Amino acid sequence: MSTTYIRLSTIQDVRSFVEIVSLTDVEIDLSSGRYVVDAKSIMGIFSLDLLSPIKLTAHCDGDEAKHLFEQLSKFIVEL
């Protein structure tokens, strides 16, 4: 399992993010506080607090996680 934090500031960011993660077979969760949603669900993402960084958990390791995080690099934030 690999984790990072992302920020989705606009509706276009959410749309682009979902397009990217929908192309992978990796299971990806997003969590904000005590809420956890499927990262491939636009409706689920909009139920989260988008004003704060969101924790992304990808259920993969190694090269697969590295490749995924490279694709999502424009959304990743450092805490």
PDB file of N, CA and C in Angstrom:
ATOM      1  N   MET A   1       0.839  -1.164   0.000  1.00  0.00           N
ATOM      2  CA  MET A   1       0.000   0.000   0.000  1.00  0.00           C
ATOM      3  C   MET A   1       0.894   1.240   0.000  1.00  0.00           C
ATOM      4  N   SER A   2       0.538   2.220  -0.827  1.00  0.00           N
ATOM      5  CA  SER A   2       1.295   3.463  -0.922  1.00  0.00           C
ATOM      6  C   SER A   2       0.345   4.632  -0.702  1.00  0.00           C
ATOM      7  N   THR A   3       0.826   5.644   0.022  1.00  0.00           N
ATOM      8  CA  THR A   3      -0.032   6.796   0.307  1.00  0.00           C
ATOM      9  C   THR A   3       0.670   8.102  -0.030  1.00  0.00           C
ATOM     10  N   THR A   4      -0.131   9.109  -0.316  1.00  0.00           N
ATOM     11  CA  THR A   4       0.327  10.468  -0.540  1.00  0.00           C
ATOM     12  C   THR A   4      -0.859  11.386  -0.293  1.00  0.00           C
ATOM     13  N   TYR A   5      -0.647  12.671  -0.407  1.00  0.00           N
ATOM     14  CA  TYR A   5      -1.739  13.626  -0.251  1.00  0.00           C
ATOM     15  C   TYR A   5      -1.915  14.399  -1.546  1.00  0.00           C
ATOM     16  N   ILE A   6      -3.173  14.676  -1.891  1.00  0.00           N
ATOM     17  CA  ILE A   6      -3.483  15.408  -3.115  1.00  0.00           C
ATOM     18  C   ILE A   6      -4.377  16.598  -2.793  1.00  0.00           C
ATOM     19  N   ARG A   7      -4.453  17.516  -3.737  1.00  0.00           N
ATOM     20  CA  ARG A   7      -5.391  18.636  -3.629  1.00  0.00           C
ATOM     21  C   ARG A   7      -6.142  18.728  -4.960  1.00  0.00           C
ATOM     22  N   LEU A   8      -7.474  18.745  -4.851  1.00  0.00           N
ATOM     23  CA  LEU A   8      -8.342  18.902  -6.015  1.00  0.00           C
ATOM     24  C   LEU A   8      -9.105  20.205  -5.821  1.00  0.00           C
ATOM     25  N   SER A   9      -8.627  21.269  -6.457  1.00  0.00           N
ATOM     26  CA  SER A   9      -9.141  22.618  -6.198  1.00  0.00           C
ATOM     27  C   SER A   9     -10.337  23.013  -7.049  1.00  0.00           C
ATOM     28  N   THR A  10     -10.474  22.422  -8.225  1.00  0.00           N
ATOM     29  CA  THR A  10     -11.545  22.824  -9.137  1.00  0.00           C
ATOM     30  C   THR A  10     -12.311  21.597  -9.640  1.00  0.00           C
ATOM     31  N   ILE A  11     -13.450  21.864 -10.241  1.00  0.00           N
ATOM     32  CA  ILE A  11     -14.231  20.780 -10.850  1.00  0.00           C
ATOM     33  C   ILE A  11     -13.417  20.123 -11.954  1.00  0.00           C
ATOM     34  N   GLN A  12     -12.669  20.908 -12.701  1.00  0.00           N
ATOM     35  CA  GLN A  12     -11.817  20.356 -13.765  1.00  0.00           C
ATOM     36  C   GLN A  12     -10.731  19.449 -13.186  1.00  0.00           C
ATOM     37  N   ASP A  13     -10.169  19.823 -12.031  1.00  0.00           N
ATOM     38  CA  ASP A  13      -9.186  18.964 -11.363  1.00  0.00           C
ATOM     39  C   ASP A  13      -9.799  17.611 -11.027  1.00  0.00           C
ATOM     40  N   VAL A  14     -11.010  17.623 -10.486  1.00  0.00           N
ATOM     41  CA  VAL A  14     -11.687  16.369 -10.126  1.00  0.00           C
ATOM     42  C   VAL A  14     -11.919  15.530 -11.373  1.00  0.00           C
ATOM     43  N   ARG A  15     -12.387  16.155 -12.433  1.00  0.00           N
ATOM     44  CA  ARG A  15     -12.651  15.432 -13.686  1.00  0.00           C
ATOM     45  C   ARG A  15     -11.360  14.821 -14.235  1.00  0.00           C
ATOM     46  N   SER A  16     -10.285  15.602 -14.282  1.00  0.00           N
ATOM     47  CA  SER A  16      -8.995  15.099 -14.798  1.00  0.00           C
ATOM     48  C   SER A  16      -8.466  13.965 -13.925  1.00  0.00           C
ATOM     49  N   PHE A  17      -8.571  14.134 -12.604  1.00  0.00           N
ATOM     50  CA  PHE A  17      -8.105  13.114 -11.677  1.00  0.00           C
ATOM     51  C   PHE A  17      -8.843  11.794 -11.905  1.00  0.00           C
ATOM     52  N   VAL A  18     -10.159  11.848 -11.997  1.00  0.00           N
ATOM     53  CA  VAL A  18     -10.955  10.632 -12.188  1.00  0.00           C
ATOM     54  C   VAL A  18     -10.644   9.981 -13.532  1.00  0.00           C
ATOM     55  N   GLU A  19     -10.412  10.776 -14.566  1.00  0.00           N
ATOM     56  CA  GLU A  19     -10.039  10.210 -15.863  1.00  0.00           C
ATOM     57  C   GLU A  19      -8.741   9.425 -15.764  1.00  0.00           C
ATOM     58  N   ILE A  20      -7.776   9.947 -15.031  1.00  0.00           N
ATOM     59  CA  ILE A  20      -6.486   9.266 -14.875  1.00  0.00           C
ATOM     60  C   ILE A  20      -6.636   7.980 -14.079  1.00  0.00           C
ATOM     61  N   VAL A  21      -7.269   8.048 -12.911  1.00  0.00           N
ATOM     62  CA  VAL A  21      -7.349   6.860 -12.053  1.00  0.00           C
ATOM     63  C   VAL A  21      -8.284   5.793 -12.616  1.00  0.00           C
ATOM     64  N   SER A  22      -9.225   6.183 -13.467  1.00  0.00           N
ATOM     65  CA  SER A  22     -10.134   5.198 -14.065  1.00  0.00           C
ATOM     66  C   SER A  22      -9.430   4.303 -15.082  1.00  0.00           C
ATOM     67  N   LEU A  23      -8.284   4.737 -15.553  1.00  0.00           N
ATOM     68  CA  LEU A  23      -7.537   3.950 -16.539  1.00  0.00           C
ATOM     69  C   LEU A  23      -6.680   2.857 -15.909  1.00  0.00           C
ATOM     70  N   THR A  24      -6.605   2.830 -14.589  1.00  0.00           N
ATOM     71  CA  THR A  24      -5.768   1.841 -13.914  1.00  0.00           C
ATOM     72  C   THR A  24      -6.627   0.786 -13.227  1.00  0.00           C
ATOM     73  N   ASP A  25      -6.050  -0.404 -13.054  1.00  0.00           N
ATOM     74  CA  ASP A  25      -6.746  -1.482 -12.345  1.00  0.00           C
ATOM     75  C   ASP A  25      -6.502  -1.416 -10.846  1.00  0.00           C
ATOM     76  N   VAL A  26      -5.638  -0.499 -10.415  1.00  0.00           N
ATOM     77  CA  VAL A  26      -5.295  -0.368  -9.001  1.00  0.00           C
ATOM     78  C   VAL A  26      -6.494   0.179  -8.226  1.00  0.00           C
ATOM     79  N   GLU A  27      -6.761  -0.416  -7.063  1.00  0.00           N
ATOM     80  CA  GLU A  27      -7.800   0.120  -6.194  1.00  0.00           C
ATOM     81  C   GLU A  27      -7.216   1.313  -5.449  1.00  0.00           C
ATOM     82  N   ILE A  28      -7.936   2.438  -5.488  1.00  0.00           N
ATOM     83  CA  ILE A  28      -7.453   3.684  -4.896  1.00  0.00           C
ATOM     84  C   ILE A  28      -8.557   4.261  -4.023  1.00  0.00           C
ATOM     85  N   ASP A  29      -8.197   4.587  -2.790  1.00  0.00           N
ATOM     86  CA  ASP A  29      -9.139   5.207  -1.860  1.00  0.00           C
ATOM     87  C   ASP A  29      -8.700   6.636  -1.591  1.00  0.00           C
ATOM     88  N   LEU A  30      -9.678   7.500  -1.355  1.00  0.00           N
ATOM     89  CA  LEU A  30      -9.419   8.860  -0.896  1.00  0.00           C
ATOM     90  C   LEU A  30     -10.076   9.014   0.456  1.00  0.00           C
ATOM     91  N   SER A  31      -9.362   9.674   1.392  1.00  0.00           N
ATOM     92  CA  SER A  31      -9.953   9.858   2.712  1.00  0.00           C
ATOM     93  C   SER A  31      -9.747  11.289   3.191  1.00  0.00           C
ATOM     94  N   SER A  32     -10.781  11.774   3.851  1.00  0.00           N
ATOM     95  CA  SER A  32     -10.778  13.101   4.442  1.00  0.00           C
ATOM     96  C   SER A  32     -11.488  12.955   5.779  1.00  0.00           C
ATOM     97  N   GLY A  33     -10.729  13.136   6.860  1.00  0.00           N
ATOM     98  CA  GLY A  33     -11.309  12.882   8.174  1.00  0.00           C
ATOM     99  C   GLY A  33     -11.637  11.413   8.316  1.00  0.00           C
ATOM    100  N   ARG A  34     -12.859  11.114   8.679  1.00  0.00           N
ATOM    101  CA  ARG A  34     -13.241   9.707   8.849  1.00  0.00           C
ATOM    102  C   ARG A  34     -13.949   9.130   7.634  1.00  0.00           C
ATOM    103  N   TYR A  35     -14.063   9.911   6.553  1.00  0.00           N
ATOM    104  CA  TYR A  35     -14.736   9.462   5.344  1.00  0.00           C
ATOM    105  C   TYR A  35     -13.731   8.893   4.352  1.00  0.00           C
ATOM    106  N   VAL A  36     -14.073   7.735   3.786  1.00  0.00           N
ATOM    107  CA  VAL A  36     -13.236   7.086   2.778  1.00  0.00           C
ATOM    108  C   VAL A  36     -14.119   6.788   1.572  1.00  0.00           C
ATOM    109  N   VAL A  37     -13.649   7.188   0.386  1.00  0.00           N
ATOM    110  CA  VAL A  37     -14.417   6.952  -0.840  1.00  0.00           C
ATOM    111  C   VAL A  37     -13.517   6.345  -1.912  1.00  0.00           C
ATOM    112  N   ASP A  38     -14.139   5.731  -2.894  1.00  0.00           N
ATOM    113  CA  ASP A  38     -13.448   5.200  -4.061  1.00  0.00           C
ATOM    114  C   ASP A  38     -12.980   6.376  -4.914  1.00  0.00           C
ATOM    115  N   ALA A  39     -11.706   6.411  -5.242  1.00  0.00           N
ATOM    116  CA  ALA A  39     -11.133   7.525  -6.008  1.00  0.00           C
ATOM    117  C   ALA A  39     -11.669   7.593  -7.431  1.00  0.00           C
ATOM    118  N   LYS A  40     -12.326   6.549  -7.897  1.00  0.00           N
ATOM    119  CA  LYS A  40     -12.855   6.535  -9.258  1.00  0.00           C
ATOM    120  C   LYS A  40     -14.295   7.055  -9.312  1.00  0.00           C
ATOM    121  N   SER A  41     -14.817   7.493  -8.174  1.00  0.00           N
ATOM    122  CA  SER A  41     -16.185   7.976  -8.076  1.00  0.00           C
ATOM    123  C   SER A  41     -16.232   9.501  -7.945  1.00  0.00           C
ATOM    124  N   ILE A  42     -16.712  10.165  -8.985  1.00  0.00           N
ATOM    125  CA  ILE A  42     -16.821  11.622  -8.934  1.00  0.00           C
ATOM    126  C   ILE A  42     -17.747  12.046  -7.798  1.00  0.00           C
ATOM    127  N   MET A  43     -18.870  11.379  -7.662  1.00  0.00           N
ATOM    128  CA  MET A  43     -19.814  11.734  -6.595  1.00  0.00           C
ATOM    129  C   MET A  43     -19.182  11.524  -5.218  1.00  0.00           C
ATOM    130  N   GLY A  44     -18.422  10.449  -5.072  1.00  0.00           N
ATOM    131  CA  GLY A  44     -17.742  10.204  -3.812  1.00  0.00           C
ATOM    132  C   GLY A  44     -16.745  11.299  -3.483  1.00  0.00           C
ATOM    133  N   ILE A  45     -15.989  11.735  -4.467  1.00  0.00           N
ATOM    134  CA  ILE A  45     -14.989  12.790  -4.258  1.00  0.00           C
ATOM    135  C   ILE A  45     -15.661  14.081  -3.819  1.00  0.00           C
ATOM    136  N   PHE A  46     -16.795  14.419  -4.427  1.00  0.00           N
ATOM    137  CA  PHE A  46     -17.481  15.659  -4.057  1.00  0.00           C
ATOM    138  C   PHE A  46     -18.095  15.597  -2.660  1.00  0.00           C
ATOM    139  N   SER A  47     -18.147  14.413  -2.063  1.00  0.00           N
ATOM    140  CA  SER A  47     -18.648  14.319  -0.689  1.00  0.00           C
ATOM    141  C   SER A  47     -17.546  14.609   0.334  1.00  0.00           C
ATOM    142  N   LEU A  48     -16.301  14.745  -0.133  1.00  0.00           N
ATOM    143  CA  LEU A  48     -15.173  15.022   0.755  1.00  0.00           C
ATOM    144  C   LEU A  48     -14.954  16.523   0.918  1.00  0.00           C
ATOM    145  N   ASP A  49     -14.180  16.882   1.938  1.00  0.00           N
ATOM    146  CA  ASP A  49     -13.796  18.275   2.155  1.00  0.00           C
ATOM    147  C   ASP A  49     -12.647  18.603   1.202  1.00  0.00           C
ATOM    148  N   LEU A  50     -12.952  19.288   0.103  1.00  0.00           N
ATOM    149  CA  LEU A  50     -11.944  19.582  -0.920  1.00  0.00           C
ATOM    150  C   LEU A  50     -11.112  20.812  -0.602  1.00  0.00           C
ATOM    151  N   LEU A  51     -11.401  21.470   0.504  1.00  0.00           N
ATOM    152  CA  LEU A  51     -10.609  22.638   0.899  1.00  0.00           C
ATOM    153  C   LEU A  51      -9.304  22.237   1.573  1.00  0.00           C
ATOM    154  N   SER A  52      -9.219  21.000   2.031  1.00  0.00           N
ATOM    155  CA  SER A  52      -8.025  20.480   2.704  1.00  0.00           C
ATOM    156  C   SER A  52      -7.380  19.414   1.824  1.00  0.00           C
ATOM    157  N   PRO A  53      -6.093  19.137   2.049  1.00  0.00           N
ATOM    158  CA  PRO A  53      -5.472  18.026   1.319  1.00  0.00           C
ATOM    159  C   PRO A  53      -6.196  16.717   1.631  1.00  0.00           C
ATOM    160  N   ILE A  54      -6.264  15.855   0.643  1.00  0.00           N
ATOM    161  CA  ILE A  54      -6.962  14.576   0.746  1.00  0.00           C
ATOM    162  C   ILE A  54      -5.920  13.465   0.708  1.00  0.00           C
ATOM    163  N   LYS A  55      -6.073  12.498   1.595  1.00  0.00           N
ATOM    164  CA  LYS A  55      -5.143  11.363   1.633  1.00  0.00           C
ATOM    165  C   LYS A  55      -5.529  10.362   0.548  1.00  0.00           C
ATOM    166  N   LEU A  56      -4.564  10.009  -0.296  1.00  0.00           N
ATOM    167  CA  LEU A  56      -4.754   9.019  -1.348  1.00  0.00           C
ATOM    168  C   LEU A  56      -4.023   7.748  -0.932  1.00  0.00           C
ATOM    169  N   THR A  57      -4.728   6.636  -0.947  1.00  0.00           N
ATOM    170  CA  THR A  57      -4.138   5.338  -0.641  1.00  0.00           C
ATOM    171  C   THR A  57      -4.309   4.436  -1.848  1.00  0.00           C
ATOM    172  N   ALA A  58      -3.194   4.055  -2.458  1.00  0.00           N
ATOM    173  CA  ALA A  58      -3.208   3.152  -3.609  1.00  0.00           C
ATOM    174  C   ALA A  58      -2.829   1.761  -3.104  1.00  0.00           C
ATOM    175  N   HIS A  59      -3.642   0.791  -3.441  1.00  0.00           N
ATOM    176  CA  HIS A  59      -3.418  -0.577  -2.972  1.00  0.00           C
ATOM    177  C   HIS A  59      -2.478  -1.297  -3.935  1.00  0.00           C
ATOM    178  N   CYS A  60      -1.236  -0.766  -3.990  1.00  0.00           N
ATOM    179  CA  CYS A  60      -0.172  -1.338  -4.806  1.00  0.00           C
ATOM    180  C   CYS A  60       1.148  -0.849  -4.238  1.00  0.00           C
ATOM    181  N   ASP A  61       2.228  -1.407  -4.700  1.00  0.00           N
ATOM    182  CA  ASP A  61       3.560  -1.024  -4.240  1.00  0.00           C
ATOM    183  C   ASP A  61       4.519  -0.951  -5.418  1.00  0.00           C
ATOM    184  N   GLY A  62       5.716  -0.496  -5.117  1.00  0.00           N
ATOM    185  CA  GLY A  62       6.816  -0.536  -6.074  1.00  0.00           C
ATOM    186  C   GLY A  62       6.603   0.284  -7.321  1.00  0.00           C
ATOM    187  N   ASP A  63       6.933  -0.318  -8.471  1.00  0.00           N
ATOM    188  CA  ASP A  63       6.888   0.378  -9.751  1.00  0.00           C
ATOM    189  C   ASP A  63       5.483   0.813 -10.130  1.00  0.00           C
ATOM    190  N   GLU A  64       4.495  -0.001  -9.769  1.00  0.00           N
ATOM    191  CA  GLU A  64       3.111   0.346 -10.090  1.00  0.00           C
ATOM    192  C   GLU A  64       2.692   1.632  -9.374  1.00  0.00           C
ATOM    193  N   ALA A  65       3.050   1.749  -8.091  1.00  0.00           N
ATOM    194  CA  ALA A  65       2.741   2.958  -7.320  1.00  0.00           C
ATOM    195  C   ALA A  65       3.521   4.146  -7.858  1.00  0.00           C
ATOM    196  N   LYS A  66       4.782   3.937  -8.185  1.00  0.00           N
ATOM    197  CA  LYS A  66       5.617   5.026  -8.721  1.00  0.00           C
ATOM    198  C   LYS A  66       5.025   5.558 -10.021  1.00  0.00           C
ATOM    199  N   HIS A  67       4.614   4.673 -10.892  1.00  0.00           N
ATOM    200  CA  HIS A  67       4.018   5.072 -12.169  1.00  0.00           C
ATOM    201  C   HIS A  67       2.709   5.839 -11.947  1.00  0.00           C
ATOM    202  N   LEU A  68       1.873   5.351 -11.043  1.00  0.00           N
ATOM    203  CA  LEU A  68       0.612   6.025 -10.732  1.00  0.00           C
ATOM    204  C   LEU A  68       0.856   7.427 -10.183  1.00  0.00           C
ATOM    205  N   PHE A  69       1.791   7.541  -9.239  1.00  0.00           N
ATOM    206  CA  PHE A  69       2.082   8.841  -8.629  1.00  0.00           C
ATOM    207  C   PHE A  69       2.681   9.817  -9.641  1.00  0.00           C
ATOM    208  N   GLU A  70       3.434   9.310 -10.622  1.00  0.00           N
ATOM    209  CA  GLU A  70       3.954  10.171 -11.692  1.00  0.00           C
ATOM    210  C   GLU A  70       2.804  10.745 -12.518  1.00  0.00           C
ATOM    211  N   GLN A  71       1.808   9.923 -12.801  1.00  0.00           N
ATOM    212  CA  GLN A  71       0.648  10.385 -13.562  1.00  0.00           C
ATOM    213  C   GLN A  71      -0.157  11.412 -12.795  1.00  0.00           C
ATOM    214  N   LEU A  72      -0.152  11.303 -11.462  1.00  0.00           N
ATOM    215  CA  LEU A  72      -0.945  12.188 -10.620  1.00  0.00           C
ATOM    216  C   LEU A  72      -0.116  13.328 -10.026  1.00  0.00           C
ATOM    217  N   SER A  73       1.095  13.537 -10.508  1.00  0.00           N
ATOM    218  CA  SER A  73       2.026  14.487  -9.895  1.00  0.00           C
ATOM    219  C   SER A  73       1.476  15.915  -9.788  1.00  0.00           C
ATOM    220  N   LYS A  74       0.643  16.334 -10.728  1.00  0.00           N
ATOM    221  CA  LYS A  74       0.130  17.717 -10.653  1.00  0.00           C
ATOM    222  C   LYS A  74      -0.865  17.911  -9.519  1.00  0.00           C
ATOM    223  N   PHE A  75      -1.369  16.822  -8.935  1.00  0.00           N
ATOM    224  CA  PHE A  75      -2.326  16.907  -7.831  1.00  0.00           C
ATOM    225  C   PHE A  75      -1.660  16.681  -6.467  1.00  0.00           C
ATOM    226  N   ILE A  76      -0.467  16.093  -6.456  1.00  0.00           N
ATOM    227  CA  ILE A  76       0.200  15.733  -5.207  1.00  0.00           C
ATOM    228  C   ILE A  76       0.738  16.971  -4.510  1.00  0.00           C
ATOM    229  N   VAL A  77       0.518  17.035  -3.191  1.00  0.00           N
ATOM    230  CA  VAL A  77       1.018  18.148  -2.377  1.00  0.00           C
ATOM    231  C   VAL A  77       1.886  17.586  -1.260  1.00  0.00           C
ATOM    232  N   GLU A  78       2.854  18.373  -0.850  1.00  0.00           N
ATOM    233  CA  GLU A  78       3.708  18.017   0.276  1.00  0.00           C
ATOM    234  C   GLU A  78       3.131  18.657   1.537  1.00  0.00           C
ATOM    235  N   LEU A  79       3.078  17.899   2.602  1.00  0.00           N
ATOM    236  CA  LEU A  79       2.581  18.428   3.870  1.00  0.00           C
ATOM    237  C   LEU A  79       3.709  18.799   4.794  1.00  0.00           C
TER     238      LEU A  79
END
